[in-house]
C-alpha atoms as a PDB file:
ATOM      1  CA  UNK A   1       0.058  24.524 -25.947  1.00  0.00           C
ATOM      2  CA  UNK A   2       0.554  21.406 -23.873  1.00  0.00           C
ATOM      3  CA  UNK A   3      -2.299  20.050 -21.729  1.00  0.00           C
ATOM      4  CA  UNK A   4      -1.580  17.639 -18.894  1.00  0.00           C
ATOM      5  CA  UNK A   5      -4.480  15.753 -17.285  1.00  0.00           C
ATOM      6  CA  UNK A   6      -3.300  13.824 -14.271  1.00  0.00           C
ATOM      7  CA  UNK A   7      -4.286  12.337 -10.942  1.00  0.00           C
ATOM      8  CA  UNK A   8      -2.454  13.685  -7.899  1.00  0.00           C
ATOM      9  CA  UNK A   9       0.513  11.829  -6.493  1.00  0.00           C
ATOM     10  CA  UNK A  10       2.768  12.476  -3.520  1.00  0.00           C
ATOM     11  CA  UNK A  11       3.975  16.116  -3.250  1.00  0.00           C
ATOM     12  CA  UNK A  12       7.562  15.026  -3.907  1.00  0.00           C
ATOM     13  CA  UNK A  13       6.739  13.415  -7.275  1.00  0.00           C
ATOM     14  CA  UNK A  14       9.096  14.544 -10.029  1.00  0.00           C
ATOM     15  CA  UNK A  15       6.291  16.108 -12.083  1.00  0.00           C
ATOM     16  CA  UNK A  16       5.383  18.504  -9.304  1.00  0.00           C
ATOM     17  CA  UNK A  17       8.996  19.263  -8.521  1.00  0.00           C
ATOM     18  CA  UNK A  18      10.311  19.657 -12.075  1.00  0.00           C
ATOM     19  CA  UNK A  19       7.300  20.948 -14.013  1.00  0.00           C
ATOM     20  CA  UNK A  20       4.617  22.468 -11.799  1.00  0.00           C
ATOM     21  CA  UNK A  21       7.116  23.656  -9.196  1.00  0.00           C
ATOM     22  CA  UNK A  22       9.262  25.272 -11.869  1.00  0.00           C
ATOM     23  CA  UNK A  23       6.374  27.267 -13.312  1.00  0.00           C
ATOM     24  CA  UNK A  24       5.091  28.247  -9.863  1.00  0.00           C
ATOM     25  CA  UNK A  25       8.487  29.805  -9.159  1.00  0.00           C
ATOM     26  CA  UNK A  26       8.622  31.301 -12.655  1.00  0.00           C
ATOM     27  CA  UNK A  27       5.334  33.138 -12.172  1.00  0.00           C
ATOM     28  CA  UNK A  28       6.714  34.930  -9.142  1.00  0.00           C
ATOM     29  CA  UNK A  29       9.001  36.891 -11.454  1.00  0.00           C
ATOM     30  CA  UNK A  30       7.035  36.581 -14.701  1.00  0.00           C
ATOM     31  CA  UNK A  31       3.214  36.714 -14.273  1.00  0.00           C
ATOM     32  CA  UNK A  32       2.862  36.088 -18.026  1.00  0.00           C
ATOM     33  CA  UNK A  33       4.686  32.762 -17.871  1.00  0.00           C
ATOM     34  CA  UNK A  34       1.783  31.109 -19.694  1.00  0.00           C
ATOM     35  CA  UNK A  35       1.287  28.440 -17.071  1.00  0.00           C
ATOM     36  CA  UNK A  36      -2.148  27.646 -15.643  1.00  0.00           C
ATOM     37  CA  UNK A  37      -2.902  25.057 -12.959  1.00  0.00           C
ATOM     38  CA  UNK A  38      -6.452  24.066 -12.051  1.00  0.00           C
ATOM     39  CA  UNK A  39      -7.618  21.773  -9.258  1.00  0.00           C
ATOM     40  CA  UNK A  40     -10.684  19.559  -9.664  1.00  0.00           C
ATOM     41  CA  UNK A  41     -12.280  16.780  -7.669  1.00  0.00           C
ATOM     42  CA  UNK A  42     -14.350  13.893  -8.991  1.00  0.00           C
ATOM     43  CA  UNK A  43     -17.629  15.800  -8.689  1.00  0.00           C
ATOM     44  CA  UNK A  44     -16.360  18.185 -11.391  1.00  0.00           C
ATOM     45  CA  UNK A  45     -16.334  15.360 -13.956  1.00  0.00           C
ATOM     46  CA  UNK A  46     -19.499  15.986 -15.951  1.00  0.00           C
ATOM     47  CA  UNK A  47     -19.284  12.607 -17.716  1.00  0.00           C
ATOM     48  CA  UNK A  48     -20.030  10.768 -14.459  1.00  0.00           C
ATOM     49  CA  UNK A  49     -23.694  10.407 -13.526  1.00  0.00           C
ATOM     50  CA  UNK A  50     -24.880  10.604  -9.933  1.00  0.00           C
ATOM     51  CA  UNK A  51     -25.493   6.838  -9.932  1.00  0.00           C
ATOM     52  CA  UNK A  52     -21.969   6.163 -11.208  1.00  0.00           C
ATOM     53  CA  UNK A  53     -20.496   8.517  -8.629  1.00  0.00           C
ATOM     54  CA  UNK A  54     -22.267   6.677  -5.805  1.00  0.00           C
ATOM     55  CA  UNK A  55     -20.814   3.368  -7.079  1.00  0.00           C
ATOM     56  CA  UNK A  56     -17.328   4.838  -7.297  1.00  0.00           C
ATOM     57  CA  UNK A  57     -17.432   6.260  -3.792  1.00  0.00           C
ATOM     58  CA  UNK A  58     -18.350   2.847  -2.397  1.00  0.00           C
ATOM     59  CA  UNK A  59     -15.028   1.442  -3.632  1.00  0.00           C
ATOM     60  CA  UNK A  60     -12.937   3.826  -1.521  1.00  0.00           C
ATOM     61  CA  UNK A  61     -12.009   3.960   2.139  1.00  0.00           C
ATOM     62  CA  UNK A  62     -12.369   7.632   3.055  1.00  0.00           C
ATOM     63  CA  UNK A  63      -9.321   7.360   5.296  1.00  0.00           C
ATOM     64  CA  UNK A  64      -7.084   6.127   2.476  1.00  0.00           C
ATOM     65  CA  UNK A  65      -4.573   8.062   0.432  1.00  0.00           C
ATOM     66  CA  UNK A  66      -6.364   6.794  -2.688  1.00  0.00           C
ATOM     67  CA  UNK A  67      -9.590   8.584  -1.656  1.00  0.00           C
ATOM     68  CA  UNK A  68      -7.762  11.837  -1.014  1.00  0.00           C
ATOM     69  CA  UNK A  69      -6.056  11.643  -4.391  1.00  0.00           C
ATOM     70  CA  UNK A  70      -8.586  10.019  -6.743  1.00  0.00           C
ATOM     71  CA  UNK A  71     -11.737  11.519  -5.248  1.00  0.00           C
ATOM     72  CA  UNK A  72     -10.693  14.813  -3.656  1.00  0.00           C
ATOM     73  CA  UNK A  73      -7.844  15.490  -6.072  1.00  0.00           C
ATOM     74  CA  UNK A  74      -5.430  16.313  -3.279  1.00  0.00           C
ATOM     75  CA  UNK A  75      -1.650  16.221  -3.552  1.00  0.00           C
ATOM     76  CA  UNK A  76      -0.834  14.267  -0.421  1.00  0.00           C
ATOM     77  CA  UNK A  77       1.876  11.878   0.752  1.00  0.00           C
ATOM     78  CA  UNK A  78       1.195   8.258   1.596  1.00  0.00           C
ATOM     79  CA  UNK A  79       1.955   8.184   5.297  1.00  0.00           C
ATOM     80  CA  UNK A  80       0.738   6.612   8.496  1.00  0.00           C
ATOM     81  CA  UNK A  81      -1.307   3.431   8.716  1.00  0.00           C
ATOM     82  CA  UNK A  82      -2.320   1.937   5.379  1.00  0.00           C
ATOM     83  CA  UNK A  83      -5.575   0.423   6.653  1.00  0.00           C
ATOM     84  CA  UNK A  84      -6.637   3.081   9.141  1.00  0.00           C
ATOM     85  CA  UNK A  85     -10.321   2.133   9.135  1.00  0.00           C
ATOM     86  CA  UNK A  86      -9.498  -1.520   9.825  1.00  0.00           C
ATOM     87  CA  UNK A  87      -7.250  -0.527  12.710  1.00  0.00           C
ATOM     88  CA  UNK A  88     -10.003   1.640  14.220  1.00  0.00           C
ATOM     89  CA  UNK A  89     -12.894  -0.784  13.592  1.00  0.00           C
ATOM     90  CA  UNK A  90     -11.251  -4.213  13.592  1.00  0.00           C
ATOM     91  CA  UNK A  91     -14.206  -6.041  15.104  1.00  0.00           C
ATOM     92  CA  UNK A  92     -16.382  -5.198  12.090  1.00  0.00           C
ATOM     93  CA  UNK A  93     -14.220  -7.526   9.977  1.00  0.00           C
ATOM     94  CA  UNK A  94     -13.955 -10.481  12.361  1.00  0.00           C
ATOM     95  CA  UNK A  95     -16.163 -13.591  12.281  1.00  0.00           C
ATOM     96  CA  UNK A  96     -16.388 -16.487  14.730  1.00  0.00           C
ATOM     97  CA  UNK A  97     -16.897 -19.424  12.358  1.00  0.00           C
ATOM     98  CA  UNK A  98     -16.496 -19.074   8.565  1.00  0.00           C
ATOM     99  CA  UNK A  99     -18.849 -21.925   7.619  1.00  0.00           C
ATOM    100  CA  UNK A 100     -21.551 -20.835  10.050  1.00  0.00           C
ATOM    101  CA  UNK A 101     -21.116 -17.241   8.934  1.00  0.00           C
ATOM    102  CA  UNK A 102     -21.571 -18.239   5.295  1.00  0.00           C
ATOM    103  CA  UNK A 103     -24.667 -20.201   6.181  1.00  0.00           C
ATOM    104  CA  UNK A 104     -26.173 -17.316   8.155  1.00  0.00           C
ATOM    105  CA  UNK A 105     -25.415 -14.827   5.367  1.00  0.00           C
ATOM    106  CA  UNK A 106     -26.452 -17.129   2.500  1.00  0.00           C
ATOM    107  CA  UNK A 107     -22.998 -17.243   1.015  1.00  0.00           C
ATOM    108  CA  UNK A 108     -21.061 -20.145  -0.385  1.00  0.00           C
ATOM    109  CA  UNK A 109     -17.303 -20.523  -0.702  1.00  0.00           C
ATOM    110  CA  UNK A 110     -16.311 -21.832  -4.106  1.00  0.00           C
ATOM    111  CA  UNK A 111     -12.577 -21.103  -4.253  1.00  0.00           C
ATOM    112  CA  UNK A 112     -10.034 -21.981  -1.598  1.00  0.00           C
ATOM    113  CA  UNK A 113      -6.697 -20.235  -2.070  1.00  0.00           C
ATOM    114  CA  UNK A 114      -3.492 -20.832  -0.132  1.00  0.00           C
ATOM    115  CA  UNK A 115      -0.768 -18.199  -0.028  1.00  0.00           C
ATOM    116  CA  UNK A 116       2.874 -18.876   0.854  1.00  0.00           C
ATOM    117  CA  UNK A 117       5.498 -16.268   1.659  1.00  0.00           C
ATOM    118  CA  UNK A 118       8.957 -17.659   2.383  1.00  0.00           C
ATOM    119  CA  UNK A 119      10.713 -15.914   5.238  1.00  0.00           C
ATOM    120  CA  UNK A 120      14.394 -15.061   5.383  1.00  0.00           C
ATOM    121  CA  UNK A 121      16.726 -15.038   8.362  1.00  0.00           C
ATOM    122  CA  UNK A 122      14.979 -12.029   9.914  1.00  0.00           C
ATOM    123  CA  UNK A 123      11.384 -12.824   8.981  1.00  0.00           C
ATOM    124  CA  UNK A 124       8.854 -15.622   9.280  1.00  0.00           C
ATOM    125  CA  UNK A 125       7.386 -18.007   6.729  1.00  0.00           C
ATOM    126  CA  UNK A 126       3.667 -17.427   6.444  1.00  0.00           C
ATOM    127  CA  UNK A 127       0.843 -19.647   5.131  1.00  0.00           C
ATOM    128  CA  UNK A 128      -2.651 -18.217   4.621  1.00  0.00           C
ATOM    129  CA  UNK A 129      -5.878 -19.937   3.609  1.00  0.00           C
ATOM    130  CA  UNK A 130      -8.485 -17.702   1.989  1.00  0.00           C
ATOM    131  CA  UNK A 131     -11.989 -18.483   0.788  1.00  0.00           C
ATOM    132  CA  UNK A 132     -13.656 -16.569  -2.033  1.00  0.00           C
ATOM    133  CA  UNK A 133     -17.435 -16.714  -2.232  1.00  0.00           C
ATOM    134  CA  UNK A 134     -19.636 -16.768  -5.313  1.00  0.00           C
ATOM    135  CA  UNK A 135     -20.487 -13.099  -4.777  1.00  0.00           C
ATOM    136  CA  UNK A 136     -16.786 -12.217  -4.466  1.00  0.00           C
ATOM    137  CA  UNK A 137     -16.362 -11.767  -0.755  1.00  0.00           C
ATOM    138  CA  UNK A 138     -12.977 -12.733   0.691  1.00  0.00           C
ATOM    139  CA  UNK A 139     -12.606 -14.625   3.969  1.00  0.00           C
ATOM    140  CA  UNK A 140      -9.297 -15.356   5.703  1.00  0.00           C
ATOM    141  CA  UNK A 141      -9.924 -18.895   6.976  1.00  0.00           C
ATOM    142  CA  UNK A 142      -6.694 -20.137   8.531  1.00  0.00           C
ATOM    143  CA  UNK A 143      -3.010 -19.368   8.889  1.00  0.00           C
ATOM    144  CA  UNK A 144       0.324 -20.803   9.993  1.00  0.00           C
ATOM    145  CA  UNK A 145       3.287 -18.689  11.051  1.00  0.00           C
ATOM    146  CA  UNK A 146       6.721 -20.348  11.252  1.00  0.00           C
ATOM    147  CA  UNK A 147      10.019 -18.985  12.537  1.00  0.00           C
ATOM    148  CA  UNK A 148      12.415 -19.295   9.592  1.00  0.00           C
ATOM    149  CA  UNK A 149      15.644 -19.291  11.604  1.00  0.00           C
ATOM    150  CA  UNK A 150      16.071 -23.093  11.669  1.00  0.00           C
ATOM    151  CA  UNK A 151      13.782 -23.923   8.756  1.00  0.00           C
ATOM    152  CA  UNK A 152      15.173 -26.122   5.952  1.00  0.00           C
ATOM    153  CA  UNK A 153      13.374 -27.329   2.765  1.00  0.00           C
ATOM    154  CA  UNK A 154      12.297 -30.625   4.360  1.00  0.00           C
ATOM    155  CA  UNK A 155      10.854 -28.962   7.456  1.00  0.00           C
ATOM    156  CA  UNK A 156       9.175 -26.367   5.276  1.00  0.00           C
ATOM    157  CA  UNK A 157       7.502 -29.076   3.162  1.00  0.00           C
ATOM    158  CA  UNK A 158       6.407 -30.932   6.302  1.00  0.00           C
ATOM    159  CA  UNK A 159       4.779 -27.841   7.809  1.00  0.00           C
ATOM    160  CA  UNK A 160       3.113 -26.963   4.536  1.00  0.00           C
ATOM    161  CA  UNK A 161       1.627 -30.441   4.115  1.00  0.00           C
ATOM    162  CA  UNK A 162       0.282 -30.216   7.669  1.00  0.00           C
ATOM    163  CA  UNK A 163      -1.344 -26.908   6.803  1.00  0.00           C
ATOM    164  CA  UNK A 164      -2.837 -28.242   3.558  1.00  0.00           C
ATOM    165  CA  UNK A 165      -4.299 -31.255   5.380  1.00  0.00           C
ATOM    166  CA  UNK A 166      -5.809 -28.974   8.037  1.00  0.00           C
ATOM    167  CA  UNK A 167      -7.433 -26.737   5.430  1.00  0.00           C
ATOM    168  CA  UNK A 168      -8.440 -29.613   3.156  1.00  0.00           C
ATOM    169  CA  UNK A 169     -10.195 -31.442   6.003  1.00  0.00           C
ATOM    170  CA  UNK A 170     -12.506 -28.498   6.632  1.00  0.00           C
ATOM    171  CA  UNK A 171     -12.816 -26.737   3.275  1.00  0.00           C
ATOM    172  CA  UNK A 172     -11.685 -29.141   0.521  1.00  0.00           C
ATOM    173  CA  UNK A 173      -9.575 -28.708  -2.618  1.00  0.00           C
ATOM    174  CA  UNK A 174      -7.392 -25.616  -2.955  1.00  0.00           C
ATOM    175  CA  UNK A 175      -4.986 -23.766  -5.212  1.00  0.00           C
ATOM    176  CA  UNK A 176      -1.660 -22.543  -3.791  1.00  0.00           C
ATOM    177  CA  UNK A 177       0.200 -19.399  -4.839  1.00  0.00           C
ATOM    178  CA  UNK A 178       3.750 -19.091  -3.528  1.00  0.00           C
ATOM    179  CA  UNK A 179       6.427 -16.403  -3.727  1.00  0.00           C
ATOM    180  CA  UNK A 180       7.928 -16.946  -7.188  1.00  0.00           C
ATOM    181  CA  UNK A 181      11.340 -15.655  -6.082  1.00  0.00           C
ATOM    182  CA  UNK A 182      11.996 -19.084  -4.536  1.00  0.00           C
ATOM    183  CA  UNK A 183      11.523 -21.550  -7.412  1.00  0.00           C
ATOM    184  CA  UNK A 184      13.457 -24.380  -5.699  1.00  0.00           C
ATOM    185  CA  UNK A 185      11.294 -24.173  -2.585  1.00  0.00           C
ATOM    186  CA  UNK A 186       8.141 -24.056  -4.713  1.00  0.00           C
ATOM    187  CA  UNK A 187       9.152 -27.278  -6.475  1.00  0.00           C
ATOM    188  CA  UNK A 188       9.799 -28.833  -3.069  1.00  0.00           C
ATOM    189  CA  UNK A 189       6.281 -27.945  -1.884  1.00  0.00           C
ATOM    190  CA  UNK A 190       4.745 -29.196  -5.121  1.00  0.00           C
ATOM    191  CA  UNK A 191       6.571 -32.527  -4.924  1.00  0.00           C
ATOM    192  CA  UNK A 192       5.639 -32.934  -1.253  1.00  0.00           C
ATOM    193  CA  UNK A 193       1.893 -32.488  -1.776  1.00  0.00           C
ATOM    194  CA  UNK A 194       1.957 -34.833  -4.777  1.00  0.00           C
ATOM    195  CA  UNK A 195       3.690 -37.553  -2.753  1.00  0.00           C
ATOM    196  CA  UNK A 196       1.018 -37.299  -0.083  1.00  0.00           C
ATOM    197  CA  UNK A 197      -1.833 -37.084  -2.568  1.00  0.00           C
ATOM    198  CA  UNK A 198      -3.061 -33.757  -1.221  1.00  0.00           C
ATOM    199  CA  UNK A 199      -5.628 -31.760  -3.136  1.00  0.00           C
ATOM    200  CA  UNK A 200      -3.810 -28.543  -3.914  1.00  0.00           C
ATOM    201  CA  UNK A 201      -1.906 -27.289  -6.948  1.00  0.00           C
ATOM    202  CA  UNK A 202       1.211 -25.234  -6.170  1.00  0.00           C
ATOM    203  CA  UNK A 203       1.742 -22.321  -8.579  1.00  0.00           C
ATOM    204  CA  UNK A 204       3.807 -19.136  -8.745  1.00  0.00           C
ATOM    205  CA  UNK A 205       2.352 -15.964  -7.267  1.00  0.00           C
ATOM    206  CA  UNK A 206       1.594 -13.250  -9.795  1.00  0.00           C
ATOM    207  CA  UNK A 207       3.283 -10.628  -7.585  1.00  0.00           C
ATOM    208  CA  UNK A 208       1.448  -7.567  -8.828  1.00  0.00           C
ATOM    209  CA  UNK A 209       2.898  -4.199  -7.812  1.00  0.00           C
ATOM    210  CA  UNK A 210       2.489  -3.763  -4.055  1.00  0.00           C
ATOM    211  CA  UNK A 211       0.408  -0.608  -4.396  1.00  0.00           C
ATOM    212  CA  UNK A 212      -2.043  -2.401  -6.699  1.00  0.00           C
ATOM    213  CA  UNK A 213      -2.401  -5.105  -4.045  1.00  0.00           C
ATOM    214  CA  UNK A 214      -2.914  -2.499  -1.343  1.00  0.00           C
ATOM    215  CA  UNK A 215      -5.573  -0.727  -3.368  1.00  0.00           C
ATOM    216  CA  UNK A 216      -7.433  -4.003  -3.991  1.00  0.00           C
ATOM    217  CA  UNK A 217      -7.395  -4.862  -0.277  1.00  0.00           C
ATOM    218  CA  UNK A 218      -8.475  -1.333   0.634  1.00  0.00           C
ATOM    219  CA  UNK A 219     -11.401  -1.609  -1.787  1.00  0.00           C
ATOM    220  CA  UNK A 220     -12.530  -4.921  -0.271  1.00  0.00           C
ATOM    221  CA  UNK A 221     -12.418  -3.391   3.200  1.00  0.00           C
ATOM    222  CA  UNK A 222     -14.318  -0.282   2.102  1.00  0.00           C
ATOM    223  CA  UNK A 223     -17.059  -2.418   0.574  1.00  0.00           C
ATOM    224  CA  UNK A 224     -17.217  -4.769   3.591  1.00  0.00           C
ATOM    225  CA  UNK A 225     -16.226  -7.713   1.401  1.00  0.00           C
ATOM    226  CA  UNK A 226     -13.242  -8.793   3.502  1.00  0.00           C
ATOM    227  CA  UNK A 227     -13.655 -10.885   6.642  1.00  0.00           C
ATOM    228  CA  UNK A 228     -11.225 -12.696   8.925  1.00  0.00           C
ATOM    229  CA  UNK A 229     -11.680 -15.734  11.136  1.00  0.00           C
ATOM    230  CA  UNK A 230     -11.077 -14.391  14.628  1.00  0.00           C
ATOM    231  CA  UNK A 231      -8.354 -16.970  15.319  1.00  0.00           C
ATOM    232  CA  UNK A 232      -6.060 -15.576  12.572  1.00  0.00           C
ATOM    233  CA  UNK A 233      -4.181 -13.272  14.918  1.00  0.00           C
ATOM    234  CA  UNK A 234      -1.176 -12.689  12.661  1.00  0.00           C
ATOM    235  CA  UNK A 235      -3.414 -11.555   9.788  1.00  0.00           C
ATOM    236  CA  UNK A 236      -5.343  -9.210  12.056  1.00  0.00           C
ATOM    237  CA  UNK A 237      -2.152  -7.707  13.453  1.00  0.00           C
ATOM    238  CA  UNK A 238      -0.672  -7.300   9.959  1.00  0.00           C
ATOM    239  CA  UNK A 239      -3.638  -5.226   8.771  1.00  0.00           C
ATOM    240  CA  UNK A 240      -3.674  -3.188  11.984  1.00  0.00           C
ATOM    241  CA  UNK A 241      -0.012  -2.225  11.815  1.00  0.00           C
ATOM    242  CA  UNK A 242       0.836  -1.978   8.093  1.00  0.00           C
ATOM    243  CA  UNK A 243       2.110   1.512   7.334  1.00  0.00           C
ATOM    244  CA  UNK A 244       3.836   3.568   4.681  1.00  0.00           C
ATOM    245  CA  UNK A 245       7.544   4.306   4.795  1.00  0.00           C
ATOM    246  CA  UNK A 246       7.775   7.892   6.133  1.00  0.00           C
ATOM    247  CA  UNK A 247      11.264   8.338   4.646  1.00  0.00           C
ATOM    248  CA  UNK A 248      10.288   7.428   1.087  1.00  0.00           C
ATOM    249  CA  UNK A 249       9.256   9.974  -1.543  1.00  0.00           C
ATOM    250  CA  UNK A 250       7.452   7.172  -3.369  1.00  0.00           C
ATOM    251  CA  UNK A 251       4.386   5.285  -2.067  1.00  0.00           C
ATOM    252  CA  UNK A 252       6.252   2.459  -0.370  1.00  0.00           C
ATOM    253  CA  UNK A 253       5.082   0.054   2.296  1.00  0.00           C
ATOM    254  CA  UNK A 254       7.381   0.040   5.302  1.00  0.00           C
ATOM    255  CA  UNK A 255       9.303  -3.235   5.550  1.00  0.00           C
ATOM    256  CA  UNK A 256      11.631  -2.936   8.519  1.00  0.00           C
ATOM    257  CA  UNK A 257      10.243  -5.643  10.781  1.00  0.00           C
ATOM    258  CA  UNK A 258       7.829  -3.357  12.631  1.00  0.00           C
ATOM    259  CA  UNK A 259       4.835  -4.889  10.826  1.00  0.00           C
ATOM    260  CA  UNK A 260       4.070  -8.381   9.540  1.00  0.00           C
ATOM    261  CA  UNK A 261       4.847  -8.036   5.833  1.00  0.00           C
ATOM    262  CA  UNK A 262       5.045 -11.835   5.476  1.00  0.00           C
ATOM    263  CA  UNK A 263       1.356 -12.195   6.362  1.00  0.00           C
ATOM    264  CA  UNK A 264       0.390  -9.353   4.034  1.00  0.00           C
ATOM    265  CA  UNK A 265       2.297 -10.885   1.107  1.00  0.00           C
ATOM    266  CA  UNK A 266       0.885 -14.371   1.696  1.00  0.00           C
ATOM    267  CA  UNK A 267      -2.659 -12.975   1.828  1.00  0.00           C
ATOM    268  CA  UNK A 268      -2.176 -10.846  -1.276  1.00  0.00           C
ATOM    269  CA  UNK A 269      -0.900 -13.822  -3.269  1.00  0.00           C
ATOM    270  CA  UNK A 270      -4.244 -15.560  -2.683  1.00  0.00           C
ATOM    271  CA  UNK A 271      -6.407 -12.814  -4.179  1.00  0.00           C
ATOM    272  CA  UNK A 272      -4.125 -11.597  -6.994  1.00  0.00           C
ATOM    273  CA  UNK A 273      -5.334 -14.189  -9.549  1.00  0.00           C
ATOM    274  CA  UNK A 274      -8.882 -12.866  -9.103  1.00  0.00           C
ATOM    275  CA  UNK A 275      -8.178  -9.150  -8.850  1.00  0.00           C
ATOM    276  CA  UNK A 276     -10.067  -8.278 -12.049  1.00  0.00           C
ATOM    277  CA  UNK A 277     -13.184 -10.204 -11.017  1.00  0.00           C
ATOM    278  CA  UNK A 278     -13.006  -8.836  -7.493  1.00  0.00           C
ATOM    279  CA  UNK A 279     -12.959  -5.308  -8.904  1.00  0.00           C
ATOM    280  CA  UNK A 280     -15.679  -6.004 -11.460  1.00  0.00           C
ATOM    281  CA  UNK A 281     -17.991  -7.255  -8.730  1.00  0.00           C
ATOM    282  CA  UNK A 282     -18.923  -3.578  -8.434  1.00  0.00           C
ATOM    283  CA  UNK A 283     -17.990  -2.633 -11.967  1.00  0.00           C
ATOM    284  CA  UNK A 284     -18.153   0.993 -12.979  1.00  0.00           C
ATOM    285  CA  UNK A 285     -17.069   2.879 -16.065  1.00  0.00           C
ATOM    286  CA  UNK A 286     -14.846   5.443 -14.401  1.00  0.00           C
ATOM    287  CA  UNK A 287     -11.105   4.610 -14.222  1.00  0.00           C
ATOM    288  CA  UNK A 288      -8.637   7.073 -12.689  1.00  0.00           C
ATOM    289  CA  UNK A 289      -5.835   8.218 -14.946  1.00  0.00           C
ATOM    290  CA  UNK A 290      -2.554   6.897 -13.607  1.00  0.00           C
ATOM    291  CA  UNK A 291       0.372   9.294 -13.753  1.00  0.00           C
ATOM    292  CA  UNK A 292       3.570   7.440 -14.635  1.00  0.00           C
END
């Protein structure tokens, strides 16, 4: 006997096609095939207390594919808008002045992160400034969006230093995480800020799997721990329009120029180094089983 315990994935996943699908067809001609498939949702897990279940549910956006799979146990494709709730209730996430907002809500920013995504010939270069509070809320503070068509390393460094100075003047010392696929450009940014004596350290982005980044962002939104300065229009638009690739059998974010992937990447680079602590801010014992 072989027992498989798994979380649901997209309907086109190889396991459903090759294993479950095979036995479903087999039982049509042979009822004694020996195959049994049972569906459960999270409430069927007797090892989870009611208090734990309430904590778990708070980490999920009910509109997300993760909720349908991890909580309801549904086999469903990742399609449509990624951040549906944000798109429908954008104003809930917007703030007028980050420092005043922190003061009014008794929060204090203690980490300033800058994210850099280098654009190619058909995309833009994006800078994001993000503040992380002591109680692990995330605030998008500032941004700069640059057309990459005529951008060279010197112009890139100049724009970046301008952005660092702007952020540093208001919020202070920062750490920068930049797309590690462009090591030469990263060295250029690092040398530029050192020459000007700016208070940021330029480091490589961790570049976690995109779906892990999406799930982290979705969790922050679900828990109302993500806020955006109202002036960051590119960031707002990126969250409103990000969607899954309808032609892909895998869970893949659409990257065809119809949504601002550059802004999403730059933002995600800022929170990646703290993903464990951001998750543990509402730590719970339950961890979904990942089907590989």
